[in-house]
N, C-alpha and C. Protein backbone atom coordinates (compact mmCIF):
# COMPACT_ATOMS: atom_id res chain seq x y z
N MET A 1 188.49 25.37 190.91
CA MET A 1 188.39 24.74 189.92
C MET A 1 189.75 25.52 188.76
N VAL A 2 190.21 24.61 187.95
CA VAL A 2 191.15 25.16 187.35
C VAL A 2 190.58 25.58 186.09
N LYS A 3 191.12 26.77 185.22
CA LYS A 3 190.70 27.15 184.04
C LYS A 3 191.81 27.12 183.22
N ILE A 4 191.31 26.86 181.84
CA ILE A 4 192.29 27.42 180.81
C ILE A 4 191.78 28.72 180.17
N ARG A 5 192.52 29.60 180.21
CA ARG A 5 191.92 30.88 179.72
C ARG A 5 192.95 31.89 179.24
N LEU A 6 192.64 33.03 178.77
CA LEU A 6 193.38 33.90 178.08
C LEU A 6 193.72 35.52 178.93
N ALA A 7 195.02 35.17 179.16
CA ALA A 7 195.63 36.53 179.57
C ALA A 7 196.24 37.53 178.87
N ARG A 8 195.57 38.87 179.05
CA ARG A 8 195.65 39.80 178.07
C ARG A 8 197.19 40.81 178.47
N HIS A 9 197.99 40.69 177.64
CA HIS A 9 199.11 41.35 177.71
C HIS A 9 199.64 42.30 176.44
N GLY A 10 200.57 43.13 176.42
CA GLY A 10 200.84 44.07 175.02
C GLY A 10 200.20 45.49 175.59
N SER A 11 200.27 46.18 174.63
CA SER A 11 200.35 47.92 174.93
C SER A 11 198.85 47.99 174.59
N LYS A 12 198.54 49.42 174.63
CA LYS A 12 196.93 49.65 174.74
C LYS A 12 196.72 49.78 173.16
N LYS A 13 195.45 49.32 172.76
CA LYS A 13 195.24 49.12 171.56
C LYS A 13 195.89 48.19 170.83
N LYS A 14 196.83 47.41 171.22
CA LYS A 14 197.53 46.38 170.33
C LYS A 14 197.76 45.28 171.59
N PRO A 15 196.72 44.52 171.64
CA PRO A 15 196.71 43.34 172.66
C PRO A 15 197.43 41.91 172.30
N PHE A 16 197.96 41.04 172.79
CA PHE A 16 198.04 39.77 172.45
C PHE A 16 197.60 39.06 173.66
N TYR A 17 197.72 37.58 173.78
CA TYR A 17 197.05 36.76 174.75
C TYR A 17 198.10 35.78 175.00
N ARG A 18 198.38 35.32 176.47
CA ARG A 18 199.00 34.11 176.83
C ARG A 18 197.72 33.07 176.99
N ILE A 19 197.93 32.03 176.64
CA ILE A 19 196.54 30.98 177.03
C ILE A 19 197.53 30.33 178.49
N VAL A 20 196.53 30.68 179.27
CA VAL A 20 197.52 30.10 180.53
C VAL A 20 196.24 29.39 181.31
N VAL A 21 196.85 28.37 182.55
CA VAL A 21 196.20 27.64 183.32
C VAL A 21 195.86 28.07 184.31
N ALA A 22 194.78 28.36 185.05
CA ALA A 22 194.97 29.37 186.24
C ALA A 22 193.68 28.84 187.13
N HIS A 23 193.78 28.98 188.49
CA HIS A 23 192.68 28.85 189.15
C HIS A 23 191.35 29.84 188.70
N SER A 24 190.40 29.28 188.97
CA SER A 24 189.09 30.52 188.35
C SER A 24 189.04 31.56 189.28
N GLU A 25 189.48 31.86 190.59
CA GLU A 25 189.01 32.65 191.32
C GLU A 25 190.55 34.02 191.12
N SER A 26 191.65 33.42 190.26
CA SER A 26 192.75 34.15 190.32
C SER A 26 192.47 35.53 189.19
N PRO A 27 192.96 36.72 189.21
CA PRO A 27 192.69 37.76 188.21
C PRO A 27 193.05 37.40 186.85
N ARG A 28 192.43 37.91 185.92
CA ARG A 28 192.83 37.69 184.56
C ARG A 28 194.23 37.71 184.13
N ASP A 29 194.59 38.94 184.74
CA ASP A 29 196.00 39.19 184.38
C ASP A 29 197.06 38.60 185.20
N GLY A 30 196.33 38.18 186.43
CA GLY A 30 197.55 37.61 187.72
C GLY A 30 198.15 36.41 187.49
N ARG A 31 198.21 35.72 188.76
CA ARG A 31 198.70 34.67 188.87
C ARG A 31 198.43 33.34 188.21
N TYR A 32 199.24 32.55 187.57
CA TYR A 32 198.71 31.53 186.66
C TYR A 32 199.69 30.28 186.90
N ILE A 33 199.17 29.43 186.78
CA ILE A 33 199.96 27.85 186.95
C ILE A 33 200.96 27.73 186.04
N ASP A 34 200.47 27.66 184.66
CA ASP A 34 201.20 27.16 183.70
C ASP A 34 201.11 28.04 182.31
N GLN A 35 201.64 28.44 181.54
CA GLN A 35 201.52 29.06 180.12
C GLN A 35 201.47 27.54 179.34
N VAL A 36 200.59 27.79 178.12
CA VAL A 36 200.19 26.46 177.28
C VAL A 36 200.02 26.91 175.71
N GLY A 37 200.12 28.56 175.65
CA GLY A 37 200.20 28.91 174.43
C GLY A 37 200.05 30.39 174.09
N LEU A 38 200.08 30.60 173.19
CA LEU A 38 199.80 32.32 172.98
C LEU A 38 198.77 32.46 171.52
N TYR A 39 198.06 33.79 171.68
CA TYR A 39 197.12 34.16 170.74
C TYR A 39 197.44 35.34 170.47
N ASP A 40 197.78 35.89 169.15
CA ASP A 40 197.91 37.10 168.67
C ASP A 40 196.99 37.43 167.84
N PRO A 41 195.69 38.46 167.89
CA PRO A 41 194.59 38.62 167.00
C PRO A 41 195.07 39.69 166.16
N ASN A 42 196.11 40.30 166.41
CA ASN A 42 196.57 41.39 165.27
C ASN A 42 197.25 41.18 164.07
N ARG A 43 198.17 39.92 164.24
CA ARG A 43 198.71 39.25 163.02
C ARG A 43 197.41 39.34 161.89
N SER A 44 197.91 38.88 160.71
CA SER A 44 196.63 38.80 159.57
C SER A 44 197.42 37.36 159.04
N PRO A 45 197.05 36.29 159.01
CA PRO A 45 195.97 35.86 159.79
C PRO A 45 196.31 35.72 161.34
N SER A 46 195.31 35.74 162.22
CA SER A 46 195.48 35.45 163.60
C SER A 46 196.73 34.41 163.81
N LEU A 47 197.58 34.75 164.70
CA LEU A 47 198.55 33.60 165.30
C LEU A 47 198.06 33.08 166.53
N VAL A 48 197.84 31.53 166.35
CA VAL A 48 197.45 30.80 167.55
C VAL A 48 198.72 29.72 167.63
N GLN A 49 199.37 29.68 168.96
CA GLN A 49 200.40 28.72 169.38
C GLN A 49 200.48 27.94 170.11
N LEU A 50 199.79 26.94 170.41
CA LEU A 50 199.50 25.86 171.44
C LEU A 50 200.62 24.78 171.43
N GLN A 51 201.03 24.86 172.88
CA GLN A 51 201.97 23.39 173.13
C GLN A 51 200.92 22.42 173.51
N ALA A 52 201.20 21.31 172.51
CA ALA A 52 199.82 20.50 172.62
C ALA A 52 200.40 19.32 173.55
N GLU A 53 201.19 19.14 174.20
CA GLU A 53 201.60 18.16 175.26
C GLU A 53 201.11 18.74 176.34
N LYS A 54 201.22 20.23 176.78
CA LYS A 54 201.12 20.53 178.04
C LYS A 54 199.52 20.81 178.25
N LEU A 55 198.85 21.00 177.08
CA LEU A 55 197.47 21.16 177.20
C LEU A 55 196.76 19.97 177.00
N ALA A 56 197.56 18.72 176.55
CA ALA A 56 196.59 17.45 176.44
C ALA A 56 196.69 17.08 177.90
N ALA A 57 197.82 17.29 178.44
CA ALA A 57 197.91 17.18 179.98
C ALA A 57 197.42 17.94 181.02
N TRP A 58 197.01 19.12 181.22
CA TRP A 58 196.02 20.05 181.67
C TRP A 58 194.51 19.33 181.21
N LEU A 59 194.29 19.20 180.24
CA LEU A 59 193.05 18.88 179.88
C LEU A 59 192.70 17.50 180.54
N LYS A 60 193.71 16.38 180.64
CA LYS A 60 193.28 15.39 181.21
C LYS A 60 193.29 15.14 182.81
N LYS A 61 194.13 16.49 183.26
CA LYS A 61 194.03 16.32 184.76
C LYS A 61 192.65 17.23 185.44
N GLY A 62 191.88 17.50 183.99
CA GLY A 62 190.45 18.42 184.57
C GLY A 62 190.37 19.82 184.21
N ALA A 63 191.47 20.30 183.71
CA ALA A 63 191.28 21.91 183.64
C ALA A 63 190.35 21.95 182.60
N ARG A 64 189.21 23.01 182.63
CA ARG A 64 188.08 23.50 181.74
C ARG A 64 188.61 24.70 180.81
N PRO A 65 188.49 24.41 179.64
CA PRO A 65 189.03 25.66 178.91
C PRO A 65 187.42 26.54 178.77
N THR A 66 188.00 27.80 178.63
CA THR A 66 187.01 28.80 178.62
C THR A 66 186.23 28.82 177.11
N GLN A 67 185.10 29.38 176.93
CA GLN A 67 184.27 29.36 175.70
C GLN A 67 185.70 29.62 174.67
N THR A 68 185.99 30.83 174.76
CA THR A 68 187.00 31.61 173.55
C THR A 68 188.36 30.47 173.38
N VAL A 69 188.97 29.99 174.37
CA VAL A 69 189.82 28.89 174.17
C VAL A 69 189.37 27.72 173.73
N ALA A 70 188.73 27.29 173.85
CA ALA A 70 187.73 26.44 173.36
C ALA A 70 187.78 26.23 171.73
N GLN A 71 187.19 27.34 171.71
CA GLN A 71 187.30 27.75 169.86
C GLN A 71 188.63 27.87 169.26
N LEU A 72 189.61 28.67 169.95
CA LEU A 72 190.89 28.49 169.45
C LEU A 72 191.39 27.21 169.21
N ILE A 73 191.19 26.36 170.54
CA ILE A 73 191.83 24.76 170.07
C ILE A 73 191.27 24.41 168.86
N ARG A 74 189.85 24.22 168.83
CA ARG A 74 189.15 23.78 167.95
C ARG A 74 189.45 24.41 166.58
N LYS A 75 189.94 25.59 166.29
CA LYS A 75 190.20 26.18 165.21
C LYS A 75 191.73 25.73 164.23
N SER A 76 192.45 25.62 165.58
CA SER A 76 194.02 25.10 165.47
C SER A 76 193.94 23.27 165.43
N GLU A 77 193.13 22.77 165.59
CA GLU A 77 193.00 21.35 165.43
C GLU A 77 192.16 21.18 163.84
N ALA A 78 191.16 22.29 163.34
CA ALA A 78 190.83 22.03 161.94
C ALA A 78 191.70 22.41 160.81
N ALA A 79 193.05 23.48 161.38
CA ALA A 79 193.74 24.03 160.28
C ALA A 79 195.00 22.83 160.45
N GLY A 80 195.33 21.97 161.49
CA GLY A 80 196.47 21.31 161.41
C GLY A 80 197.40 21.47 162.28
N THR A 81 197.34 22.72 162.62
CA THR A 81 198.79 23.06 163.50
C THR A 81 198.84 22.80 165.08
N LEU A 82 197.87 22.16 165.66
CA LEU A 82 197.99 21.20 167.05
C LEU A 82 198.89 20.14 166.88
């Protein structure tokens, strides 16, 4: 199964996340198929950048977002940034 999930990057105590499309068996920070956005919770307000075309294409192909990614998508749609 293909999932849209977060991959953690950054230094200790200062994480930022890439929103990636990956096989469900792949490790969290391991191999991924495509990068569709960024999430930085350290900024105020937190930064969410999504590539709408790529995201829509993967959702159309059947990729399932995790709960956290689905929340970020809803939040960015409500803010009008998607």
